[in-house]
Amino acid sequence: MAHDMYPQERPLLTPELMIRAYGAGIFPMSEGAEDPQVFWVDPKHRGVFPLERFHISRSLRRRINRGGYSVHINRDFAGVVECCAGRTQTWINAELSACYMALRAQGLAHSVEIWDADGLAGAVFGITLGAAFFGESMFSRRSDGSKLALAHLVHRLRAGGFTLFDTQFVTQHLASLGAVEIPRADYRAQLGDALVLRADFLALPQDAPLER
């Protein structure tokens, strides 16, 4: 996928810089967990989840209806980031992890976590600005863990008044759930609209399973 990257030789990331960058339509990445450098990415085509088009397959709906899990918000945010950064292929280095933790302390970063009898089964985390949610990463330890987290995340974003769910890029997995690519100009128009609105990530969806 074509995108513009701007290397940063000596990254000096701060939560404030990240927020300004997200508001401008760009985001930071690293080449890997052990790479101390960060580069800025400005995709020519951006991945988004149209919130009204999130696709819950029959098998996923059956899994939701079967239950046997609970949904928690920010119960183990640090553990979620650690799991995402600890995979064989990751773009999250120590500096990015530290910024995510600082943004969590400011109430701007959140995780939606799926827990079962064996512990944390899967999760997704991201950053909120206005009525925009910027999805950062997700993982599964059990079958459907990340799909369940995404389904409950989308339900929460709808309930909280969000208008933009940014996925940065579109993978085959995300496309199967309804994610699409839009041109950079269209994305920035949607971002501009979302940033001037107010949304509440912690608004509890009335018909969702127990979240706490």
C-alpha atoms as a PDB file:
ATOM      1  CA  MET A   1       0.000   0.000   0.000  1.00  0.00           C
ATOM      2  CA  ALA A   2       1.378   3.389  -0.976  1.00  0.00           C
ATOM      3  CA  HIS A   3       1.941   5.782   1.871  1.00  0.00           C
ATOM      4  CA  ASP A   4       4.317   8.556   2.800  1.00  0.00           C
ATOM      5  CA  MET A   5       6.796   8.029   5.634  1.00  0.00           C
ATOM      6  CA  TYR A   6       8.813  10.665   7.393  1.00  0.00           C
ATOM      7  CA  PRO A   7      11.778   9.208   9.360  1.00  0.00           C
ATOM      8  CA  GLN A   8      12.597  10.726  12.702  1.00  0.00           C
ATOM      9  CA  GLU A   9      16.290  10.129  13.389  1.00  0.00           C
ATOM     10  CA  ARG A  10      16.097  10.767  17.129  1.00  0.00           C
ATOM     11  CA  PRO A  11      12.477  10.253  18.112  1.00  0.00           C
ATOM     12  CA  LEU A  12      11.312  12.493  20.911  1.00  0.00           C
ATOM     13  CA  LEU A  13       7.758  11.309  21.184  1.00  0.00           C
ATOM     14  CA  THR A  14       5.497  12.862  23.760  1.00  0.00           C
ATOM     15  CA  PRO A  15       1.782  12.334  24.291  1.00  0.00           C
ATOM     16  CA  GLU A  16       1.181  15.939  23.209  1.00  0.00           C
ATOM     17  CA  LEU A  17       3.077  15.416  19.951  1.00  0.00           C
ATOM     18  CA  MET A  18       1.136  12.239  19.220  1.00  0.00           C
ATOM     19  CA  ILE A  19      -2.170  14.003  19.772  1.00  0.00           C
ATOM     20  CA  ARG A  20      -1.193  16.840  17.449  1.00  0.00           C
ATOM     21  CA  ALA A  21      -0.115  14.328  14.831  1.00  0.00           C
ATOM     22  CA  TYR A  22      -3.354  12.346  15.032  1.00  0.00           C
ATOM     23  CA  GLY A  23      -5.319  15.546  14.725  1.00  0.00           C
ATOM     24  CA  ALA A  24      -3.364  16.332  11.553  1.00  0.00           C
ATOM     25  CA  GLY A  25      -4.001  12.894  10.057  1.00  0.00           C
ATOM     26  CA  ILE A  26      -0.617  11.213  10.601  1.00  0.00           C
ATOM     27  CA  PHE A  27       0.560   8.585  13.055  1.00  0.00           C
ATOM     28  CA  PRO A  28       3.875   7.115  14.303  1.00  0.00           C
ATOM     29  CA  MET A  29       5.220   3.589  13.814  1.00  0.00           C
ATOM     30  CA  SER A  30       8.471   1.732  14.376  1.00  0.00           C
ATOM     31  CA  GLU A  31      10.057  -1.058  12.353  1.00  0.00           C
ATOM     32  CA  GLY A  32       9.943  -3.352  15.374  1.00  0.00           C
ATOM     33  CA  ALA A  33      10.025  -3.702  19.132  1.00  0.00           C
ATOM     34  CA  GLU A  34      13.822  -3.444  19.257  1.00  0.00           C
ATOM     35  CA  ASP A  35      14.119  -0.538  16.800  1.00  0.00           C
ATOM     36  CA  PRO A  36      14.425   2.753  18.722  1.00  0.00           C
ATOM     37  CA  GLN A  37      13.513   4.885  15.708  1.00  0.00           C
ATOM     38  CA  VAL A  38      10.030   6.068  14.836  1.00  0.00           C
ATOM     39  CA  PHE A  39       8.681   7.213  11.492  1.00  0.00           C
ATOM     40  CA  TRP A  40       5.531   9.147  10.695  1.00  0.00           C
ATOM     41  CA  VAL A  41       2.973   7.671   8.307  1.00  0.00           C
ATOM     42  CA  ASP A  42       0.472   9.529   6.133  1.00  0.00           C
ATOM     43  CA  PRO A  43      -1.296   6.890   3.988  1.00  0.00           C
ATOM     44  CA  LYS A  44      -2.627   7.927   0.598  1.00  0.00           C
ATOM     45  CA  HIS A  45      -5.547   5.608   1.311  1.00  0.00           C
ATOM     46  CA  ARG A  46      -6.737   5.278   4.889  1.00  0.00           C
ATOM     47  CA  GLY A  47      -8.471   2.345   6.509  1.00  0.00           C
ATOM     48  CA  VAL A  48     -11.733   3.103   8.305  1.00  0.00           C
ATOM     49  CA  PHE A  49     -14.630   1.140   9.746  1.00  0.00           C
ATOM     50  CA  PRO A  50     -17.941   2.730   8.711  1.00  0.00           C
ATOM     51  CA  LEU A  51     -19.650   2.182  12.048  1.00  0.00           C
ATOM     52  CA  GLU A  52     -23.006   1.382  10.467  1.00  0.00           C
ATOM     53  CA  ARG A  53     -21.443  -1.281   8.226  1.00  0.00           C
ATOM     54  CA  PHE A  54     -19.552  -3.417  10.732  1.00  0.00           C
ATOM     55  CA  HIS A  55     -20.267  -7.003   9.670  1.00  0.00           C
ATOM     56  CA  ILE A  56     -21.073  -9.568  12.326  1.00  0.00           C
ATOM     57  CA  SER A  57     -21.047 -12.975  10.648  1.00  0.00           C
ATOM     58  CA  ARG A  58     -23.471 -15.691  11.700  1.00  0.00           C
ATOM     59  CA  SER A  59     -20.645 -17.595  13.364  1.00  0.00           C
ATOM     60  CA  LEU A  60     -19.548 -14.511  15.334  1.00  0.00           C
ATOM     61  CA  ARG A  61     -23.138 -13.767  16.328  1.00  0.00           C
ATOM     62  CA  ARG A  62     -23.504 -17.342  17.577  1.00  0.00           C
ATOM     63  CA  ARG A  63     -20.286 -16.909  19.565  1.00  0.00           C
ATOM     64  CA  ILE A  64     -21.591 -13.674  21.118  1.00  0.00           C
ATOM     65  CA  ASN A  65     -24.909 -15.302  21.986  1.00  0.00           C
ATOM     66  CA  ARG A  66     -23.162 -18.331  23.479  1.00  0.00           C
ATOM     67  CA  GLY A  67     -21.425 -16.108  26.028  1.00  0.00           C
ATOM     68  CA  GLY A  68     -18.892 -17.590  28.387  1.00  0.00           C
ATOM     69  CA  TYR A  69     -16.837 -14.403  28.444  1.00  0.00           C
ATOM     70  CA  SER A  70     -16.989 -10.910  29.903  1.00  0.00           C
ATOM     71  CA  VAL A  71     -16.076  -7.534  28.409  1.00  0.00           C
ATOM     72  CA  HIS A  72     -13.966  -5.069  30.365  1.00  0.00           C
ATOM     73  CA  ILE A  73     -12.739  -1.564  29.618  1.00  0.00           C
ATOM     74  CA  ASN A  74      -9.148  -0.701  30.602  1.00  0.00           C
ATOM     75  CA  ARG A  75      -8.962  -3.548  33.098  1.00  0.00           C
ATOM     76  CA  ASP A  76      -5.409  -4.368  32.008  1.00  0.00           C
ATOM     77  CA  PHE A  77      -4.461  -1.707  29.483  1.00  0.00           C
ATOM     78  CA  ALA A  78      -0.747  -2.197  30.110  1.00  0.00           C
ATOM     79  CA  GLY A  79      -1.111  -5.933  29.544  1.00  0.00           C
ATOM     80  CA  VAL A  80      -2.938  -5.328  26.268  1.00  0.00           C
ATOM     81  CA  VAL A  81      -0.192  -3.035  24.962  1.00  0.00           C
ATOM     82  CA  GLU A  82       2.433  -5.525  26.110  1.00  0.00           C
ATOM     83  CA  CYS A  83       0.729  -8.370  24.260  1.00  0.00           C
ATOM     84  CA  CYS A  84       0.457  -6.301  21.069  1.00  0.00           C
ATOM     85  CA  ALA A  85       4.102  -5.205  21.322  1.00  0.00           C
ATOM     86  CA  GLY A  86       5.327  -8.707  22.152  1.00  0.00           C
ATOM     87  CA  ARG A  87       4.290 -10.398  18.922  1.00  0.00           C
ATOM     88  CA  THR A  88       6.888 -11.626  16.424  1.00  0.00           C
ATOM     89  CA  GLN A  89       5.882  -8.890  13.993  1.00  0.00           C
ATOM     90  CA  THR A  90       5.051  -5.589  15.651  1.00  0.00           C
ATOM     91  CA  TRP A  91       5.507  -1.883  14.998  1.00  0.00           C
ATOM     92  CA  ILE A  92       5.267  -0.926  18.677  1.00  0.00           C
ATOM     93  CA  ASN A  93       8.583  -0.118  20.359  1.00  0.00           C
ATOM     94  CA  ALA A  94       9.293   0.980  23.937  1.00  0.00           C
ATOM     95  CA  GLU A  95       8.816   4.665  23.171  1.00  0.00           C
ATOM     96  CA  LEU A  96       5.411   4.127  21.598  1.00  0.00           C
ATOM     97  CA  SER A  97       4.377   1.890  24.503  1.00  0.00           C
ATOM     98  CA  ALA A  98       5.350   4.597  26.982  1.00  0.00           C
ATOM     99  CA  CYS A  99       3.298   7.192  25.091  1.00  0.00           C
ATOM    100  CA  TYR A 100       0.261   4.894  25.034  1.00  0.00           C
ATOM    101  CA  MET A 101       0.539   4.482  28.797  1.00  0.00           C
ATOM    102  CA  ALA A 102       0.785   8.257  29.246  1.00  0.00           C
ATOM    103  CA  LEU A 103      -2.290   8.760  27.054  1.00  0.00           C
ATOM    104  CA  ARG A 104      -4.148   6.152  29.127  1.00  0.00           C
ATOM    105  CA  ALA A 105      -3.304   8.178  32.250  1.00  0.00           C
ATOM    106  CA  GLN A 106      -4.807  11.230  30.523  1.00  0.00           C
ATOM    107  CA  GLY A 107      -7.988   9.325  29.655  1.00  0.00           C
ATOM    108  CA  LEU A 108      -7.291   9.441  25.911  1.00  0.00           C
ATOM    109  CA  ALA A 109      -6.349   5.788  25.329  1.00  0.00           C
ATOM    110  CA  HIS A 110      -8.620   2.825  25.998  1.00  0.00           C
ATOM    111  CA  SER A 111      -8.735  -0.930  25.643  1.00  0.00           C
ATOM    112  CA  VAL A 112     -11.713  -3.207  25.088  1.00  0.00           C
ATOM    113  CA  GLU A 113     -10.829  -6.565  26.595  1.00  0.00           C
ATOM    114  CA  ILE A 114     -12.375 -10.029  26.368  1.00  0.00           C
ATOM    115  CA  TRP A 115     -11.896 -12.150  29.465  1.00  0.00           C
ATOM    116  CA  ASP A 116     -12.824 -15.771  30.038  1.00  0.00           C
ATOM    117  CA  ALA A 117     -12.154 -18.365  32.719  1.00  0.00           C
ATOM    118  CA  ASP A 118      -8.515 -18.583  31.631  1.00  0.00           C
ATOM    119  CA  GLY A 119      -7.859 -14.828  31.699  1.00  0.00           C
ATOM    120  CA  LEU A 120      -7.395 -12.257  28.956  1.00  0.00           C
ATOM    121  CA  ALA A 121      -8.552 -13.870  25.698  1.00  0.00           C
ATOM    122  CA  GLY A 122      -8.174 -10.946  23.298  1.00  0.00           C
ATOM    123  CA  ALA A 123      -8.377  -7.175  23.084  1.00  0.00           C
ATOM    124  CA  VAL A 124      -8.132  -4.033  20.977  1.00  0.00           C
ATOM    125  CA  PHE A 125      -6.808  -0.644  22.043  1.00  0.00           C
ATOM    126  CA  GLY A 126      -6.738   2.832  20.599  1.00  0.00           C
ATOM    127  CA  ILE A 127      -6.827   6.583  21.128  1.00  0.00           C
ATOM    128  CA  THR A 128      -9.810   8.930  21.265  1.00  0.00           C
ATOM    129  CA  LEU A 129     -10.016  12.541  20.100  1.00  0.00           C
ATOM    130  CA  GLY A 130     -13.367  14.266  19.811  1.00  0.00           C
ATOM    131  CA  ALA A 131     -15.658  11.773  18.091  1.00  0.00           C
ATOM    132  CA  ALA A 132     -12.776   9.880  16.447  1.00  0.00           C
ATOM    133  CA  PHE A 133     -11.343   6.573  17.617  1.00  0.00           C
ATOM    134  CA  PHE A 134      -7.905   5.634  16.278  1.00  0.00           C
ATOM    135  CA  GLY A 135      -7.471   1.880  16.463  1.00  0.00           C
ATOM    136  CA  GLU A 136      -3.873   0.995  17.268  1.00  0.00           C
ATOM    137  CA  SER A 137      -3.570  -2.763  17.600  1.00  0.00           C
ATOM    138  CA  MET A 138      -5.338  -5.938  18.709  1.00  0.00           C
ATOM    139  CA  PHE A 139      -4.517  -9.526  19.565  1.00  0.00           C
ATOM    140  CA  SER A 140      -6.122 -12.895  20.285  1.00  0.00           C
ATOM    141  CA  ARG A 141      -5.099 -15.607  22.690  1.00  0.00           C
ATOM    142  CA  ARG A 142      -8.193 -17.668  21.983  1.00  0.00           C
ATOM    143  CA  SER A 143     -10.328 -18.209  18.899  1.00  0.00           C
ATOM    144  CA  ASP A 144     -12.409 -15.113  18.046  1.00  0.00           C
ATOM    145  CA  GLY A 145     -10.815 -13.067  20.850  1.00  0.00           C
ATOM    146  CA  SER A 146     -10.037 -10.044  18.687  1.00  0.00           C
ATOM    147  CA  LYS A 147     -13.293 -10.343  16.713  1.00  0.00           C
ATOM    148  CA  LEU A 148     -15.299 -10.243  19.929  1.00  0.00           C
ATOM    149  CA  ALA A 149     -13.292  -7.225  21.096  1.00  0.00           C
ATOM    150  CA  LEU A 150     -13.930  -5.418  17.800  1.00  0.00           C
ATOM    151  CA  ALA A 151     -17.651  -6.187  17.892  1.00  0.00           C
ATOM    152  CA  HIS A 152     -17.988  -4.792  21.398  1.00  0.00           C
ATOM    153  CA  LEU A 153     -15.781  -1.819  20.515  1.00  0.00           C
ATOM    154  CA  VAL A 154     -17.980  -0.861  17.559  1.00  0.00           C
ATOM    155  CA  HIS A 155     -21.086  -1.220  19.732  1.00  0.00           C
ATOM    156  CA  ARG A 156     -19.498   1.091  22.309  1.00  0.00           C
ATOM    157  CA  LEU A 157     -18.434   3.661  19.707  1.00  0.00           C
ATOM    158  CA  ARG A 158     -21.976   3.829  18.360  1.00  0.00           C
ATOM    159  CA  ALA A 159     -23.411   4.228  21.854  1.00  0.00           C
ATOM    160  CA  GLY A 160     -20.890   6.941  22.709  1.00  0.00           C
ATOM    161  CA  GLY A 161     -21.586   9.116  19.670  1.00  0.00           C
ATOM    162  CA  PHE A 162     -18.396   8.443  17.705  1.00  0.00           C
ATOM    163  CA  THR A 163     -18.443   9.149  13.975  1.00  0.00           C
ATOM    164  CA  LEU A 164     -14.991   7.937  12.842  1.00  0.00           C
ATOM    165  CA  PHE A 165     -13.228   4.635  13.506  1.00  0.00           C
ATOM    166  CA  ASP A 166      -9.758   4.870  11.975  1.00  0.00           C
ATOM    167  CA  THR A 167      -7.999   1.527  11.389  1.00  0.00           C
ATOM    168  CA  GLN A 168      -4.951   3.126   9.700  1.00  0.00           C
ATOM    169  CA  PHE A 169      -4.646   0.286   7.167  1.00  0.00           C
ATOM    170  CA  VAL A 170      -7.015  -2.447   5.940  1.00  0.00           C
ATOM    171  CA  THR A 171      -6.019  -6.079   6.334  1.00  0.00           C
ATOM    172  CA  GLN A 172      -7.933  -9.026   4.924  1.00  0.00           C
ATOM    173  CA  HIS A 173      -9.210  -9.739   8.425  1.00  0.00           C
ATOM    174  CA  LEU A 174     -10.514  -6.189   8.892  1.00  0.00           C
ATOM    175  CA  ALA A 175     -12.007  -6.117   5.388  1.00  0.00           C
ATOM    176  CA  SER A 176     -14.020  -9.249   6.190  1.00  0.00           C
ATOM    177  CA  LEU A 177     -15.595  -7.299   9.056  1.00  0.00           C
ATOM    178  CA  GLY A 178     -16.465  -4.250   6.945  1.00  0.00           C
ATOM    179  CA  ALA A 179     -13.341  -2.037   6.945  1.00  0.00           C
ATOM    180  CA  VAL A 180     -12.722  -0.058   3.749  1.00  0.00           C
ATOM    181  CA  GLU A 181     -10.079   2.226   2.266  1.00  0.00           C
ATOM    182  CA  ILE A 182     -10.860   5.856   1.512  1.00  0.00           C
ATOM    183  CA  PRO A 183      -8.676   8.530  -0.134  1.00  0.00           C
ATOM    184  CA  ARG A 184      -6.569  10.749   2.102  1.00  0.00           C
ATOM    185  CA  ALA A 185      -8.673  13.825   1.308  1.00  0.00           C
ATOM    186  CA  ASP A 186     -11.910  12.035   2.268  1.00  0.00           C
ATOM    187  CA  TYR A 187     -10.327  10.789   5.466  1.00  0.00           C
ATOM    188  CA  ARG A 188      -9.160  14.238   6.490  1.00  0.00           C
ATOM    189  CA  ALA A 189     -12.622  15.647   5.829  1.00  0.00           C
ATOM    190  CA  GLN A 190     -14.163  12.992   8.093  1.00  0.00           C
ATOM    191  CA  LEU A 191     -11.446  13.586  10.678  1.00  0.00           C
ATOM    192  CA  GLY A 192     -12.056  17.329  10.683  1.00  0.00           C
ATOM    193  CA  ASP A 193     -15.776  16.766  11.242  1.00  0.00           C
ATOM    194  CA  ALA A 194     -15.124  14.289  14.065  1.00  0.00           C
ATOM    195  CA  LEU A 195     -12.632  16.444  15.930  1.00  0.00           C
ATOM    196  CA  VAL A 196     -15.137  19.227  16.592  1.00  0.00           C
ATOM    197  CA  LEU A 197     -17.700  16.819  18.063  1.00  0.00           C
ATOM    198  CA  ARG A 198     -17.872  15.367  21.546  1.00  0.00           C
ATOM    199  CA  ALA A 199     -18.191  11.656  22.191  1.00  0.00           C
ATOM    200  CA  ASP A 200     -18.053   9.534  25.334  1.00  0.00           C
ATOM    201  CA  PHE A 201     -16.074   6.298  25.154  1.00  0.00           C
ATOM    202  CA  LEU A 202     -17.193   5.337  28.657  1.00  0.00           C
ATOM    203  CA  ALA A 203     -20.903   5.600  27.879  1.00  0.00           C
ATOM    204  CA  LEU A 204     -22.295   2.153  28.707  1.00  0.00           C
ATOM    205  CA  PRO A 205     -24.219   0.518  25.839  1.00  0.00           C
ATOM    206  CA  GLN A 206     -27.568  -0.449  27.338  1.00  0.00           C
ATOM    207  CA  ASP A 207     -27.969  -3.714  25.445  1.00  0.00           C
ATOM    208  CA  ALA A 208     -24.345  -4.879  25.625  1.00  0.00           C
ATOM    209  CA  PRO A 209     -23.053  -7.680  27.872  1.00  0.00           C
ATOM    210  CA  LEU A 210     -21.737  -6.611  31.257  1.00  0.00           C
ATOM    211  CA  GLU A 211     -18.796  -4.218  30.914  1.00  0.00           C
ATOM    212  CA  ARG A 212     -16.844  -2.759  33.800  1.00  0.00           C
END
